[in-house]
Amino acid sequence: DLTEKTTHLVAIKPGTAKVNTAKKNAKIKIVNPDWLWSCAERWERVEERLFPLTSK
């Protein structure tokens, strides 16, 4: 669930209820799963803008 403490939403499909709710909150960054893997590989937070949620 999205709360006031949510900072990121990792999603694979645009247009879902959760993605649409997150879009209404400018503080929540919406990224695709590759962002999470990239952060884990580098042991640091990678720029979210490099991993936008797009339809495939």
N, C-alpha and C. Protein backbone atom coordinates (compact mmCIF):
# COMPACT_ATOMS: atom_id res chain seq x y z
N ASP A 1 0.82 -1.19 0.00
CA ASP A 1 0.00 0.00 0.00
C ASP A 1 0.86 1.25 0.00
N LEU A 2 0.37 2.29 -0.59
CA LEU A 2 1.06 3.57 -0.60
C LEU A 2 0.69 4.35 0.66
N THR A 3 1.70 4.86 1.34
CA THR A 3 1.46 5.65 2.55
C THR A 3 2.22 6.97 2.43
N GLU A 4 2.12 7.78 3.45
CA GLU A 4 2.85 9.05 3.45
C GLU A 4 4.36 8.84 3.52
N LYS A 5 4.78 7.62 3.88
CA LYS A 5 6.21 7.31 3.95
C LYS A 5 6.75 6.69 2.66
N THR A 6 5.89 6.42 1.71
CA THR A 6 6.30 5.82 0.44
C THR A 6 7.15 6.80 -0.36
N THR A 7 8.32 6.35 -0.78
CA THR A 7 9.21 7.20 -1.58
C THR A 7 9.27 6.76 -3.04
N HIS A 8 9.12 5.45 -3.27
CA HIS A 8 9.24 4.90 -4.62
C HIS A 8 8.15 3.85 -4.85
N LEU A 9 7.76 3.74 -6.11
CA LEU A 9 6.89 2.65 -6.54
C LEU A 9 7.58 1.97 -7.70
N VAL A 10 7.90 0.69 -7.53
CA VAL A 10 8.50 -0.10 -8.59
C VAL A 10 7.35 -0.84 -9.27
N ALA A 11 7.17 -0.60 -10.55
CA ALA A 11 6.03 -1.17 -11.26
C ALA A 11 6.45 -1.66 -12.64
N ILE A 12 5.68 -2.61 -13.16
CA ILE A 12 5.97 -3.12 -14.50
C ILE A 12 4.91 -2.72 -15.50
N LYS A 13 3.78 -2.22 -15.01
CA LYS A 13 2.66 -1.93 -15.90
C LYS A 13 2.09 -0.55 -15.60
N PRO A 14 2.09 0.35 -16.57
CA PRO A 14 1.48 1.66 -16.34
C PRO A 14 -0.05 1.55 -16.34
N GLY A 15 -0.68 2.53 -15.74
CA GLY A 15 -2.13 2.59 -15.78
C GLY A 15 -2.86 1.81 -14.71
N THR A 16 -2.12 1.16 -13.80
CA THR A 16 -2.79 0.44 -12.72
C THR A 16 -3.29 1.43 -11.68
N ALA A 17 -4.16 0.98 -10.81
CA ALA A 17 -4.70 1.85 -9.77
C ALA A 17 -3.58 2.39 -8.88
N LYS A 18 -2.62 1.54 -8.54
CA LYS A 18 -1.53 1.98 -7.66
C LYS A 18 -0.64 3.01 -8.36
N VAL A 19 -0.34 2.79 -9.62
CA VAL A 19 0.47 3.75 -10.37
C VAL A 19 -0.27 5.08 -10.49
N ASN A 20 -1.54 5.03 -10.79
CA ASN A 20 -2.32 6.26 -10.92
C ASN A 20 -2.40 7.02 -9.60
N THR A 21 -2.50 6.29 -8.49
CA THR A 21 -2.51 6.94 -7.18
C THR A 21 -1.15 7.58 -6.90
N ALA A 22 -0.07 6.87 -7.22
CA ALA A 22 1.28 7.39 -6.99
C ALA A 22 1.54 8.64 -7.82
N LYS A 23 1.00 8.70 -9.02
CA LYS A 23 1.20 9.86 -9.89
C LYS A 23 0.64 11.14 -9.28
N LYS A 24 -0.33 11.01 -8.40
CA LYS A 24 -0.94 12.17 -7.76
C LYS A 24 -0.07 12.75 -6.66
N ASN A 25 0.97 12.02 -6.27
CA ASN A 25 1.87 12.47 -5.21
C ASN A 25 3.26 12.72 -5.81
N ALA A 26 3.65 13.97 -5.91
CA ALA A 26 4.93 14.33 -6.53
C ALA A 26 6.13 13.78 -5.78
N LYS A 27 5.96 13.40 -4.52
CA LYS A 27 7.07 12.87 -3.72
C LYS A 27 7.39 11.41 -4.05
N ILE A 28 6.46 10.72 -4.69
CA ILE A 28 6.67 9.31 -5.02
C ILE A 28 7.26 9.18 -6.41
N LYS A 29 8.42 8.55 -6.49
CA LYS A 29 9.08 8.30 -7.77
C LYS A 29 8.59 6.95 -8.30
N ILE A 30 8.16 6.93 -9.54
CA ILE A 30 7.67 5.70 -10.16
C ILE A 30 8.74 5.21 -11.14
N VAL A 31 9.22 3.99 -10.91
CA VAL A 31 10.32 3.44 -11.70
C VAL A 31 10.00 2.01 -12.13
N ASN A 32 10.77 1.51 -13.10
CA ASN A 32 10.61 0.12 -13.51
C ASN A 32 11.57 -0.75 -12.68
N PRO A 33 11.41 -2.07 -12.68
CA PRO A 33 12.23 -2.95 -11.84
C PRO A 33 13.73 -2.87 -12.10
N ASP A 34 14.13 -2.46 -13.29
CA ASP A 34 15.57 -2.35 -13.57
C ASP A 34 16.25 -1.35 -12.64
N TRP A 35 15.51 -0.35 -12.17
CA TRP A 35 16.07 0.63 -11.23
C TRP A 35 16.50 -0.07 -9.95
N LEU A 36 15.65 -0.95 -9.44
CA LEU A 36 15.95 -1.65 -8.20
C LEU A 36 17.20 -2.52 -8.35
N TRP A 37 17.29 -3.24 -9.46
CA TRP A 37 18.46 -4.09 -9.72
C TRP A 37 19.72 -3.25 -9.88
N SER A 38 19.62 -2.13 -10.54
CA SER A 38 20.78 -1.25 -10.74
C SER A 38 21.27 -0.71 -9.40
N CYS A 39 20.35 -0.32 -8.54
CA CYS A 39 20.72 0.16 -7.20
C CYS A 39 21.44 -0.94 -6.42
N ALA A 40 20.92 -2.16 -6.50
CA ALA A 40 21.52 -3.28 -5.77
C ALA A 40 22.92 -3.59 -6.29
N GLU A 41 23.10 -3.54 -7.60
CA GLU A 41 24.41 -3.81 -8.20
C GLU A 41 25.46 -2.79 -7.78
N ARG A 42 25.04 -1.54 -7.69
CA ARG A 42 25.98 -0.45 -7.40
C ARG A 42 26.06 -0.09 -5.93
N TRP A 43 25.18 -0.65 -5.11
CA TRP A 43 25.12 -0.35 -3.69
C TRP A 43 24.89 1.13 -3.42
N GLU A 44 24.09 1.75 -4.28
CA GLU A 44 23.73 3.16 -4.10
C GLU A 44 22.44 3.45 -4.86
N ARG A 45 21.82 4.55 -4.51
CA ARG A 45 20.60 4.94 -5.21
C ARG A 45 20.97 5.54 -6.56
N VAL A 46 20.41 4.99 -7.60
CA VAL A 46 20.65 5.44 -8.96
C VAL A 46 19.55 6.45 -9.32
N GLU A 47 19.85 7.35 -10.22
CA GLU A 47 18.87 8.36 -10.62
C GLU A 47 17.62 7.70 -11.20
N GLU A 48 16.50 8.05 -10.62
CA GLU A 48 15.23 7.46 -11.02
C GLU A 48 14.85 7.81 -12.45
N ARG A 49 15.24 8.98 -12.91
CA ARG A 49 14.84 9.42 -14.25
C ARG A 49 15.39 8.50 -15.35
N LEU A 50 16.40 7.70 -15.02
CA LEU A 50 16.98 6.77 -15.98
C LEU A 50 16.14 5.51 -16.16
N PHE A 51 15.15 5.32 -15.29
CA PHE A 51 14.35 4.10 -15.31
C PHE A 51 12.85 4.40 -15.26
N PRO A 52 12.36 5.13 -16.25
CA PRO A 52 10.93 5.49 -16.25
C PRO A 52 10.05 4.27 -16.52
N LEU A 53 8.84 4.34 -16.02
CA LEU A 53 7.86 3.30 -16.31
C LEU A 53 7.25 3.60 -17.67
N THR A 54 7.42 2.67 -18.59
CA THR A 54 6.89 2.86 -19.94
C THR A 54 6.09 1.63 -20.34
N SER A 55 5.21 1.80 -21.27
CA SER A 55 4.46 0.64 -21.78
C SER A 55 5.32 -0.06 -22.82
N LYS A 56 5.25 -1.36 -22.83
CA LYS A 56 6.10 -2.14 -23.74
C LYS A 56 5.29 -2.76 -24.84
